[in-house]
mmCIF file of all heavy atoms, coordinates in Angstrom:
data_MODEL
# 
_entry.id   MODEL 
# 
loop_
_atom_site.group_PDB 
_atom_site.id 
_atom_site.type_symbol 
_atom_site.label_atom_id 
_atom_site.label_alt_id 
_atom_site.label_comp_id 
_atom_site.label_asym_id 
_atom_site.label_entity_id 
_atom_site.label_seq_id 
_atom_site.pdbx_PDB_ins_code 
_atom_site.Cartn_x 
_atom_site.Cartn_y 
_atom_site.Cartn_z 
_atom_site.occupancy 
_atom_site.B_iso_or_equiv 
_atom_site.pdbx_formal_charge 
_atom_site.auth_seq_id 
_atom_site.auth_comp_id 
_atom_site.auth_asym_id 
_atom_site.auth_atom_id 
_atom_site.pdbx_PDB_model_num 
ATOM 1   N N   . LEU A 1 1  ? 0.830   -1.227  -0.021 1.00 0.00 ? 1  LEU A N   1 
ATOM 2   C CA  . LEU A 1 1  ? 0.005   0.009   -0.009 1.00 0.00 ? 1  LEU A CA  1 
ATOM 3   C C   . LEU A 1 1  ? 0.843   1.267   0.010  1.00 0.00 ? 1  LEU A C   1 
ATOM 4   O O   . LEU A 1 1  ? 0.334   2.347   -0.279 1.00 0.00 ? 1  LEU A O   1 
ATOM 5   C CB  . LEU A 1 1  ? -0.957  0.023   1.208  1.00 0.00 ? 1  LEU A CB  1 
ATOM 6   C CG  . LEU A 1 1  ? -2.138  -0.935  1.117  1.00 0.00 ? 1  LEU A CG  1 
ATOM 7   C CD1 . LEU A 1 1  ? -2.892  -0.976  2.449  1.00 0.00 ? 1  LEU A CD1 1 
ATOM 8   C CD2 . LEU A 1 1  ? -3.097  -0.573  -0.017 1.00 0.00 ? 1  LEU A CD2 1 
ATOM 9   N N   . SER A 1 2  ? 2.162   1.139   0.296  1.00 0.00 ? 2  SER A N   1 
ATOM 10  C CA  . SER A 1 2  ? 3.020   2.325   0.294  1.00 0.00 ? 2  SER A CA  1 
ATOM 11  C C   . SER A 1 2  ? 3.104   2.886   -1.132 1.00 0.00 ? 2  SER A C   1 
ATOM 12  O O   . SER A 1 2  ? 3.443   4.050   -1.348 1.00 0.00 ? 2  SER A O   1 
ATOM 13  C CB  . SER A 1 2  ? 4.402   2.001   0.799  1.00 0.00 ? 2  SER A CB  1 
ATOM 14  O OG  . SER A 1 2  ? 5.051   1.096   -0.069 1.00 0.00 ? 2  SER A OG  1 
ATOM 15  N N   . ALA A 1 3  ? 2.757   2.061   -2.119 1.00 0.00 ? 3  ALA A N   1 
ATOM 16  C CA  . ALA A 1 3  ? 2.710   2.551   -3.541 1.00 0.00 ? 3  ALA A CA  1 
ATOM 17  C C   . ALA A 1 3  ? 1.556   3.542   -3.711 1.00 0.00 ? 3  ALA A C   1 
ATOM 18  O O   . ALA A 1 3  ? 1.557   4.328   -4.649 1.00 0.00 ? 3  ALA A O   1 
ATOM 19  C CB  . ALA A 1 3  ? 2.515   1.377   -4.501 1.00 0.00 ? 3  ALA A CB  1 
ATOM 20  N N   . THR A 1 4  ? 0.589   3.477   -2.799 1.00 0.00 ? 4  THR A N   1 
ATOM 21  C CA  . THR A 1 4  ? -0.539  4.428   -2.880 1.00 0.00 ? 4  THR A CA  1 
ATOM 22  C C   . THR A 1 4  ? -0.550  5.312   -1.643 1.00 0.00 ? 4  THR A C   1 
ATOM 23  O O   . THR A 1 4  ? 0.329   6.113   -1.448 1.00 0.00 ? 4  THR A O   1 
ATOM 24  C CB  . THR A 1 4  ? -1.853  3.637   -3.026 1.00 0.00 ? 4  THR A CB  1 
ATOM 25  O OG1 . THR A 1 4  ? -2.007  2.764   -1.893 1.00 0.00 ? 4  THR A OG1 1 
ATOM 26  C CG2 . THR A 1 4  ? -1.905  2.822   -4.296 1.00 0.00 ? 4  THR A CG2 1 
ATOM 27  N N   . HIS A 1 5  ? -1.530  5.152   -0.772 1.00 0.00 ? 5  HIS A N   1 
ATOM 28  C CA  . HIS A 1 5  ? -1.617  6.020   0.386  1.00 0.00 ? 5  HIS A CA  1 
ATOM 29  C C   . HIS A 1 5  ? -2.446  5.343   1.486  1.00 0.00 ? 5  HIS A C   1 
ATOM 30  O O   . HIS A 1 5  ? -3.504  4.773   1.207  1.00 0.00 ? 5  HIS A O   1 
ATOM 31  C CB  . HIS A 1 5  ? -2.324  7.338   -0.016 1.00 0.00 ? 5  HIS A CB  1 
ATOM 32  C CG  . HIS A 1 5  ? -2.880  8.104   1.129  1.00 0.00 ? 5  HIS A CG  1 
ATOM 33  N ND1 . HIS A 1 5  ? -2.055  8.824   1.958  1.00 0.00 ? 5  HIS A ND1 1 
ATOM 34  C CD2 . HIS A 1 5  ? -4.104  8.240   1.635  1.00 0.00 ? 5  HIS A CD2 1 
ATOM 35  C CE1 . HIS A 1 5  ? -2.798  9.370   2.934  1.00 0.00 ? 5  HIS A CE1 1 
ATOM 36  N NE2 . HIS A 1 5  ? -4.047  9.032   2.721  1.00 0.00 ? 5  HIS A NE2 1 
ATOM 37  N N   . ILE A 1 6  ? -1.916  5.315   2.703  1.00 0.00 ? 6  ILE A N   1 
ATOM 38  C CA  . ILE A 1 6  ? -2.688  4.798   3.822  1.00 0.00 ? 6  ILE A CA  1 
ATOM 39  C C   . ILE A 1 6  ? -2.994  5.953   4.744  1.00 0.00 ? 6  ILE A C   1 
ATOM 40  O O   . ILE A 1 6  ? -2.071  6.668   5.193  1.00 0.00 ? 6  ILE A O   1 
ATOM 41  C CB  . ILE A 1 6  ? -1.884  3.711   4.605  1.00 0.00 ? 6  ILE A CB  1 
ATOM 42  C CG1 . ILE A 1 6  ? -1.361  2.619   3.674  1.00 0.00 ? 6  ILE A CG1 1 
ATOM 43  C CG2 . ILE A 1 6  ? -2.735  3.090   5.709  1.00 0.00 ? 6  ILE A CG2 1 
ATOM 44  C CD1 . ILE A 1 6  ? -0.460  1.607   4.347  1.00 0.00 ? 6  ILE A CD1 1 
ATOM 45  N N   . ASP A 1 7  ? -4.267  6.158   5.078  1.00 0.00 ? 7  ASP A N   1 
ATOM 46  C CA  . ASP A 1 7  ? -4.624  7.222   6.039  1.00 0.00 ? 7  ASP A CA  1 
ATOM 47  C C   . ASP A 1 7  ? -4.034  6.902   7.415  1.00 0.00 ? 7  ASP A C   1 
ATOM 48  O O   . ASP A 1 7  ? -3.535  7.793   8.105  1.00 0.00 ? 7  ASP A O   1 
ATOM 49  C CB  . ASP A 1 7  ? -6.129  7.371   6.178  1.00 0.00 ? 7  ASP A CB  1 
ATOM 50  C CG  . ASP A 1 7  ? -6.717  8.031   4.942  1.00 0.00 ? 7  ASP A CG  1 
ATOM 51  O OD1 . ASP A 1 7  ? -6.738  7.432   3.861  1.00 0.00 ? 7  ASP A OD1 1 
ATOM 52  O OD2 . ASP A 1 7  ? -7.075  9.215   5.065  1.00 0.00 ? 7  ASP A OD2 1 
ATOM 53  N N   . GLY A 1 8  ? -4.118  5.618   7.799  1.00 0.00 ? 8  GLY A N   1 
ATOM 54  C CA  . GLY A 1 8  ? -3.536  5.255   9.097  1.00 0.00 ? 8  GLY A CA  1 
ATOM 55  C C   . GLY A 1 8  ? -4.109  3.945   9.626  1.00 0.00 ? 8  GLY A C   1 
ATOM 56  O O   . GLY A 1 8  ? -4.883  3.284   8.953  1.00 0.00 ? 8  GLY A O   1 
ATOM 57  N N   . ALA A 1 9  ? -3.711  3.644   10.880 1.00 0.00 ? 9  ALA A N   1 
ATOM 58  C CA  . ALA A 1 9  ? -4.116  2.378   11.505 1.00 0.00 ? 9  ALA A CA  1 
ATOM 59  C C   . ALA A 1 9  ? -4.942  2.651   12.728 1.00 0.00 ? 9  ALA A C   1 
ATOM 60  O O   . ALA A 1 9  ? -4.680  3.622   13.446 1.00 0.00 ? 9  ALA A O   1 
ATOM 61  C CB  . ALA A 1 9  ? -2.883  1.585   11.878 1.00 0.00 ? 9  ALA A CB  1 
ATOM 62  N N   . ILE A 1 10 ? -5.927  1.779   12.960 1.00 0.00 ? 10 ILE A N   1 
ATOM 63  C CA  . ILE A 1 10 ? -6.673  1.795   14.228 1.00 0.00 ? 10 ILE A CA  1 
ATOM 64  C C   . ILE A 1 10 ? -6.249  0.570   14.968 1.00 0.00 ? 10 ILE A C   1 
ATOM 65  O O   . ILE A 1 10 ? -6.204  -0.534  14.397 1.00 0.00 ? 10 ILE A O   1 
ATOM 66  C CB  . ILE A 1 10 ? -8.205  1.736   13.934 1.00 0.00 ? 10 ILE A CB  1 
ATOM 67  C CG1 . ILE A 1 10 ? -8.643  2.984   13.197 1.00 0.00 ? 10 ILE A CG1 1 
ATOM 68  C CG2 . ILE A 1 10 ? -8.988  1.598   15.252 1.00 0.00 ? 10 ILE A CG2 1 
ATOM 69  C CD1 . ILE A 1 10 ? -9.911  2.823   12.437 1.00 0.00 ? 10 ILE A CD1 1 
ATOM 70  N N   . ILE A 1 11 ? -5.876  0.722   16.234 1.00 0.00 ? 11 ILE A N   1 
ATOM 71  C CA  . ILE A 1 11 ? -5.376  -0.384  17.039 1.00 0.00 ? 11 ILE A CA  1 
ATOM 72  C C   . ILE A 1 11 ? -6.411  -0.754  18.078 1.00 0.00 ? 11 ILE A C   1 
ATOM 73  O O   . ILE A 1 11 ? -6.855  0.113   18.848 1.00 0.00 ? 11 ILE A O   1 
ATOM 74  C CB  . ILE A 1 11 ? -4.011  -0.055  17.634 1.00 0.00 ? 11 ILE A CB  1 
ATOM 75  C CG1 . ILE A 1 11 ? -3.008  0.266   16.543 1.00 0.00 ? 11 ILE A CG1 1 
ATOM 76  C CG2 . ILE A 1 11 ? -3.491  -1.209  18.516 1.00 0.00 ? 11 ILE A CG2 1 
ATOM 77  C CD1 . ILE A 1 11 ? -1.681  0.762   16.980 1.00 0.00 ? 11 ILE A CD1 1 
ATOM 78  N N   . VAL A 1 12 ? -6.795  -2.031  18.105 1.00 0.00 ? 12 VAL A N   1 
ATOM 79  C CA  . VAL A 1 12 ? -7.844  -2.490  19.022 1.00 0.00 ? 12 VAL A CA  1 
ATOM 80  C C   . VAL A 1 12 ? -7.228  -3.278  20.159 1.00 0.00 ? 12 VAL A C   1 
ATOM 81  O O   . VAL A 1 12 ? -6.329  -4.096  19.948 1.00 0.00 ? 12 VAL A O   1 
ATOM 82  C CB  . VAL A 1 12 ? -8.869  -3.393  18.277 1.00 0.00 ? 12 VAL A CB  1 
ATOM 83  C CG1 . VAL A 1 12 ? -9.989  -3.830  19.214 1.00 0.00 ? 12 VAL A CG1 1 
ATOM 84  C CG2 . VAL A 1 12 ? -9.457  -2.672  17.057 1.00 0.00 ? 12 VAL A CG2 1 
ATOM 85  N N   . THR A 1 13 ? -7.681  -2.960  21.382 1.00 0.00 ? 13 THR A N   1 
ATOM 86  C CA  . THR A 1 13 ? -7.163  -3.671  22.556 1.00 0.00 ? 13 THR A CA  1 
ATOM 87  C C   . THR A 1 13 ? -8.311  -3.931  23.514 1.00 0.00 ? 13 THR A C   1 
ATOM 88  O O   . THR A 1 13 ? -9.410  -3.449  23.363 1.00 0.00 ? 13 THR A O   1 
ATOM 89  C CB  . THR A 1 13 ? -6.069  -2.820  23.251 1.00 0.00 ? 13 THR A CB  1 
ATOM 90  O OG1 . THR A 1 13 ? -5.503  -3.588  24.351 1.00 0.00 ? 13 THR A OG1 1 
ATOM 91  C CG2 . THR A 1 13 ? -6.620  -1.514  23.845 1.00 0.00 ? 13 THR A CG2 1 
ATOM 92  N N   . THR A 1 14 ? -8.035  -4.745  24.561 1.00 0.00 ? 14 THR A N   1 
ATOM 93  C CA  . THR A 1 14 ? -8.945  -4.891  25.690 1.00 0.00 ? 14 THR A CA  1 
ATOM 94  C C   . THR A 1 14 ? -8.198  -4.278  26.886 1.00 0.00 ? 14 THR A C   1 
ATOM 95  O O   . THR A 1 14 ? -7.010  -3.992  26.811 1.00 0.00 ? 14 THR A O   1 
ATOM 96  C CB  . THR A 1 14 ? -9.350  -6.369  25.912 1.00 0.00 ? 14 THR A CB  1 
ATOM 97  O OG1 . THR A 1 14 ? -8.153  -7.169  25.890 1.00 0.00 ? 14 THR A OG1 1 
ATOM 98  C CG2 . THR A 1 14 ? -10.301 -6.850  24.860 1.00 0.00 ? 14 THR A CG2 1 
ATOM 99  N N   . PRO A 1 15 ? -8.884  -4.047  28.041 1.00 0.00 ? 15 PRO A N   1 
ATOM 100 C CA  . PRO A 1 15 ? -8.271  -3.231  29.078 1.00 0.00 ? 15 PRO A CA  1 
ATOM 101 C C   . PRO A 1 15 ? -7.113  -3.892  29.872 1.00 0.00 ? 15 PRO A C   1 
ATOM 102 O O   . PRO A 1 15 ? -6.325  -3.183  30.484 1.00 0.00 ? 15 PRO A O   1 
ATOM 103 C CB  . PRO A 1 15 ? -9.428  -2.941  30.048 1.00 0.00 ? 15 PRO A CB  1 
ATOM 104 C CG  . PRO A 1 15 ? -10.687 -3.296  29.320 1.00 0.00 ? 15 PRO A CG  1 
ATOM 105 C CD  . PRO A 1 15 ? -10.306 -4.349  28.324 1.00 0.00 ? 15 PRO A CD  1 
ATOM 106 N N   . GLN A 1 16 ? -7.029  -5.243  29.853 1.00 0.00 ? 16 GLN A N   1 
ATOM 107 C CA  . GLN A 1 16 ? -6.023  -5.854  30.742 1.00 0.00 ? 16 GLN A CA  1 
ATOM 108 C C   . GLN A 1 16 ? -4.613  -5.813  30.206 1.00 0.00 ? 16 GLN A C   1 
ATOM 109 O O   . GLN A 1 16 ? -4.399  -5.722  29.001 1.00 0.00 ? 16 GLN A O   1 
ATOM 110 C CB  . GLN A 1 16 ? -6.462  -7.295  31.080 1.00 0.00 ? 16 GLN A CB  1 
ATOM 111 C CG  . GLN A 1 16 ? -6.235  -8.339  30.026 1.00 0.00 ? 16 GLN A CG  1 
ATOM 112 C CD  . GLN A 1 16 ? -7.324  -8.409  28.983 1.00 0.00 ? 16 GLN A CD  1 
ATOM 113 O OE1 . GLN A 1 16 ? -7.881  -7.400  28.605 1.00 0.00 ? 16 GLN A OE1 1 
ATOM 114 N NE2 . GLN A 1 16 ? -7.626  -9.606  28.523 1.00 0.00 ? 16 GLN A NE2 1 
ATOM 115 N N   . GLU A 1 17 ? -3.665  -5.878  31.105 1.00 0.00 ? 17 GLU A N   1 
ATOM 116 C CA  . GLU A 1 17 ? -2.246  -5.719  30.752 1.00 0.00 ? 17 GLU A CA  1 
ATOM 117 C C   . GLU A 1 17 ? -1.740  -6.750  29.748 1.00 0.00 ? 17 GLU A C   1 
ATOM 118 O O   . GLU A 1 17 ? -0.915  -6.451  28.898 1.00 0.00 ? 17 GLU A O   1 
ATOM 119 C CB  . GLU A 1 17 ? -1.392  -5.736  32.058 1.00 0.00 ? 17 GLU A CB  1 
ATOM 120 C CG  . GLU A 1 17 ? 0.104   -5.600  31.861 1.00 0.00 ? 17 GLU A CG  1 
ATOM 121 C CD  . GLU A 1 17 ? 0.517   -4.332  31.132 1.00 0.00 ? 17 GLU A CD  1 
ATOM 122 O OE1 . GLU A 1 17 ? -0.175  -3.289  31.220 1.00 0.00 ? 17 GLU A OE1 1 
ATOM 123 O OE2 . GLU A 1 17 ? 1.526   -4.360  30.401 1.00 0.00 ? 17 GLU A OE2 1 
ATOM 124 N N   . VAL A 1 18 ? -2.269  -7.988  29.820 1.00 0.00 ? 18 VAL A N   1 
ATOM 125 C CA  . VAL A 1 18 ? -1.853  -9.045  28.882 1.00 0.00 ? 18 VAL A CA  1 
ATOM 126 C C   . VAL A 1 18 ? -2.066  -8.597  27.417 1.00 0.00 ? 18 VAL A C   1 
ATOM 127 O O   . VAL A 1 18 ? -1.282  -8.861  26.532 1.00 0.00 ? 18 VAL A O   1 
ATOM 128 C CB  . VAL A 1 18 ? -2.628  -10.342 29.152 1.00 0.00 ? 18 VAL A CB  1 
ATOM 129 C CG1 . VAL A 1 18 ? -2.448  -11.366 28.032 1.00 0.00 ? 18 VAL A CG1 1 
ATOM 130 C CG2 . VAL A 1 18 ? -2.153  -10.947 30.476 1.00 0.00 ? 18 VAL A CG2 1 
ATOM 131 N N   . SER A 1 19 ? -3.170  -7.873  27.220 1.00 0.00 ? 19 SER A N   1 
ATOM 132 C CA  . SER A 1 19 ? -3.485  -7.356  25.879 1.00 0.00 ? 19 SER A CA  1 
ATOM 133 C C   . SER A 1 19 ? -2.646  -6.116  25.562 1.00 0.00 ? 19 SER A C   1 
ATOM 134 O O   . SER A 1 19 ? -2.055  -5.991  24.475 1.00 0.00 ? 19 SER A O   1 
ATOM 135 C CB  . SER A 1 19 ? -4.968  -7.022  25.775 1.00 0.00 ? 19 SER A CB  1 
ATOM 136 O OG  . SER A 1 19 ? -5.277  -6.472  24.525 1.00 0.00 ? 19 SER A OG  1 
ATOM 137 N N   . LEU A 1 20 ? -2.558  -5.206  26.521 1.00 0.00 ? 20 LEU A N   1 
ATOM 138 C CA  . LEU A 1 20 ? -1.840  -3.932  26.289 1.00 0.00 ? 20 LEU A CA  1 
ATOM 139 C C   . LEU A 1 20 ? -0.383  -4.165  25.948 1.00 0.00 ? 20 LEU A C   1 
ATOM 140 O O   . LEU A 1 20 ? 0.206   -3.444  25.179 1.00 0.00 ? 20 LEU A O   1 
ATOM 141 C CB  . LEU A 1 20 ? -1.950  -3.041  27.537 1.00 0.00 ? 20 LEU A CB  1 
ATOM 142 C CG  . LEU A 1 20 ? -3.374  -2.558  27.854 1.00 0.00 ? 20 LEU A CG  1 
ATOM 143 C CD1 . LEU A 1 20 ? -3.388  -1.888  29.235 1.00 0.00 ? 20 LEU A CD1 1 
ATOM 144 C CD2 . LEU A 1 20 ? -3.894  -1.586  26.812 1.00 0.00 ? 20 LEU A CD2 1 
ATOM 145 N N   . GLN A 1 21 ? 0.190   -5.215  26.563 1.00 0.00 ? 21 GLN A N   1 
ATOM 146 C CA  . GLN A 1 21 ? 1.614   -5.529  26.329 1.00 0.00 ? 21 GLN A CA  1 
ATOM 147 C C   . GLN A 1 21 ? 1.856   -5.775  24.838 1.00 0.00 ? 21 GLN A C   1 
ATOM 148 O O   . GLN A 1 21 ? 2.831   -5.290  24.266 1.00 0.00 ? 21 GLN A O   1 
ATOM 149 C CB  . GLN A 1 21 ? 1.909   -6.809  27.124 1.00 0.00 ? 21 GLN A CB  1 
ATOM 150 C CG  . GLN A 1 21 ? 3.393   -6.997  27.420 1.00 0.00 ? 21 GLN A CG  1 
ATOM 151 C CD  . GLN A 1 21 ? 3.591   -8.153  28.368 1.00 0.00 ? 21 GLN A CD  1 
ATOM 152 O OE1 . GLN A 1 21 ? 2.818   -9.112  28.402 1.00 0.00 ? 21 GLN A OE1 1 
ATOM 153 N NE2 . GLN A 1 21 ? 4.601   -8.088  29.187 1.00 0.00 ? 21 GLN A NE2 1 
ATOM 154 N N   . ASP A 1 22 ? 0.962   -6.551  24.218 1.00 0.00 ? 22 ASP A N   1 
ATOM 155 C CA  . ASP A 1 22 ? 1.109   -6.806  22.761 1.00 0.00 ? 22 ASP A CA  1 
ATOM 156 C C   . ASP A 1 22 ? 0.769   -5.591  21.935 1.00 0.00 ? 22 ASP A C   1 
ATOM 157 O O   . ASP A 1 22 ? 1.328   -5.403  20.850 1.00 0.00 ? 22 ASP A O   1 
ATOM 158 C CB  . ASP A 1 22 ? 0.195   -7.978  22.370 1.00 0.00 ? 22 ASP A CB  1 
ATOM 159 C CG  . ASP A 1 22 ? 0.713   -9.296  22.918 1.00 0.00 ? 22 ASP A CG  1 
ATOM 160 O OD1 . ASP A 1 22 ? 1.899   -9.343  23.320 1.00 0.00 ? 22 ASP A OD1 1 
ATOM 161 O OD2 . ASP A 1 22 ? -0.009  -10.299 22.896 1.00 0.00 ? 22 ASP A OD2 1 
ATOM 162 N N   . VAL A 1 23 ? -0.130  -4.777  22.418 1.00 0.00 ? 23 VAL A N   1 
ATOM 163 C CA  . VAL A 1 23 ? -0.568  -3.588  21.663 1.00 0.00 ? 23 VAL A CA  1 
ATOM 164 C C   . VAL A 1 23 ? 0.589   -2.551  21.637 1.00 0.00 ? 23 VAL A C   1 
ATOM 165 O O   . VAL A 1 23 ? 0.767   -1.862  20.621 1.00 0.00 ? 23 VAL A O   1 
ATOM 166 C CB  . VAL A 1 23 ? -1.836  -2.996  22.248 1.00 0.00 ? 23 VAL A CB  1 
ATOM 167 C CG1 . VAL A 1 23 ? -2.143  -1.622  21.709 1.00 0.00 ? 23 VAL A CG1 1 
ATOM 168 C CG2 . VAL A 1 23 ? -3.011  -3.928  21.921 1.00 0.00 ? 23 VAL A CG2 1 
ATOM 169 N N   . ARG A 1 24 ? 1.363   -2.476  22.676 1.00 0.00 ? 24 ARG A N   1 
ATOM 170 C CA  . ARG A 1 24 ? 2.518   -1.583  22.679 1.00 0.00 ? 24 ARG A CA  1 
ATOM 171 C C   . ARG A 1 24 ? 3.490   -1.975  21.580 1.00 0.00 ? 24 ARG A C   1 
ATOM 172 O O   . ARG A 1 24 ? 4.078   -1.133  20.891 1.00 0.00 ? 24 ARG A O   1 
ATOM 173 C CB  . ARG A 1 24 ? 3.245   -1.609  24.056 1.00 0.00 ? 24 ARG A CB  1 
ATOM 174 C CG  . ARG A 1 24 ? 2.452   -0.928  25.150 1.00 0.00 ? 24 ARG A CG  1 
ATOM 175 C CD  . ARG A 1 24 ? 3.265   -0.801  26.427 1.00 0.00 ? 24 ARG A CD  1 
ATOM 176 N NE  . ARG A 1 24 ? 2.365   -0.504  27.525 1.00 0.00 ? 24 ARG A NE  1 
ATOM 177 C CZ  . ARG A 1 24 ? 1.870   -1.384  28.404 1.00 0.00 ? 24 ARG A CZ  1 
ATOM 178 N NH1 . ARG A 1 24 ? 2.212   -2.660  28.284 1.00 0.00 ? 24 ARG A NH1 1 
ATOM 179 N NH2 . ARG A 1 24 ? 1.066   -0.999  29.352 1.00 0.00 ? 24 ARG A NH2 1 
ATOM 180 N N   . LYS A 1 25 ? 3.650   -3.299  21.379 1.00 0.00 ? 25 LYS A N   1 
ATOM 181 C CA  . LYS A 1 25 ? 4.506   -3.766  20.287 1.00 0.00 ? 25 LYS A CA  1 
ATOM 182 C C   . LYS A 1 25 ? 3.960   -3.312  18.928 1.00 0.00 ? 25 LYS A C   1 
ATOM 183 O O   . LYS A 1 25 ? 4.680   -2.939  18.059 1.00 0.00 ? 25 LYS A O   1 
ATOM 184 C CB  . LYS A 1 25 ? 4.601   -5.323  20.315 1.00 0.00 ? 25 LYS A CB  1 
ATOM 185 C CG  . LYS A 1 25 ? 5.316   -5.897  21.561 1.00 0.00 ? 25 LYS A CG  1 
ATOM 186 C CD  . LYS A 1 25 ? 5.372   -7.407  21.447 1.00 0.00 ? 25 LYS A CD  1 
ATOM 187 C CE  . LYS A 1 25 ? 6.064   -8.045  22.656 1.00 0.00 ? 25 LYS A CE  1 
ATOM 188 N NZ  . LYS A 1 25 ? 5.185   -8.082  23.849 1.00 0.00 ? 25 LYS A NZ  1 
ATOM 189 N N   . GLU A 1 26 ? 2.621   -3.379  18.805 1.00 0.00 ? 26 GLU A N   1 
ATOM 190 C CA  . GLU A 1 26 ? 1.959   -2.996  17.548 1.00 0.00 ? 26 GLU A CA  1 
ATOM 191 C C   . GLU A 1 26 ? 2.211   -1.523  17.271 1.00 0.00 ? 26 GLU A C   1 
ATOM 192 O O   . GLU A 1 26 ? 2.406   -1.098  16.125 1.00 0.00 ? 26 GLU A O   1 
ATOM 193 C CB  . GLU A 1 26 ? 0.466   -3.318  17.650 1.00 0.00 ? 26 GLU A CB  1 
ATOM 194 C CG  . GLU A 1 26 ? -0.258  -3.340  16.322 1.00 0.00 ? 26 GLU A CG  1 
ATOM 195 C CD  . GLU A 1 26 ? 0.016   -4.587  15.525 1.00 0.00 ? 26 GLU A CD  1 
ATOM 196 O OE1 . GLU A 1 26 ? -0.113  -5.711  16.067 1.00 0.00 ? 26 GLU A OE1 1 
ATOM 197 O OE2 . GLU A 1 26 ? 0.335   -4.435  14.353 1.00 0.00 ? 26 GLU A OE2 1 
# 
C-alpha cells in the first residue's frame, strides 16, 4: 500500500495488561 496512500491504523485492545503488552509492540 506504500505505492498508494494509507490514512492510518486503528489499534484495538482490551483493558487488561496481557493485551496492552502486545498492543505496545503493535
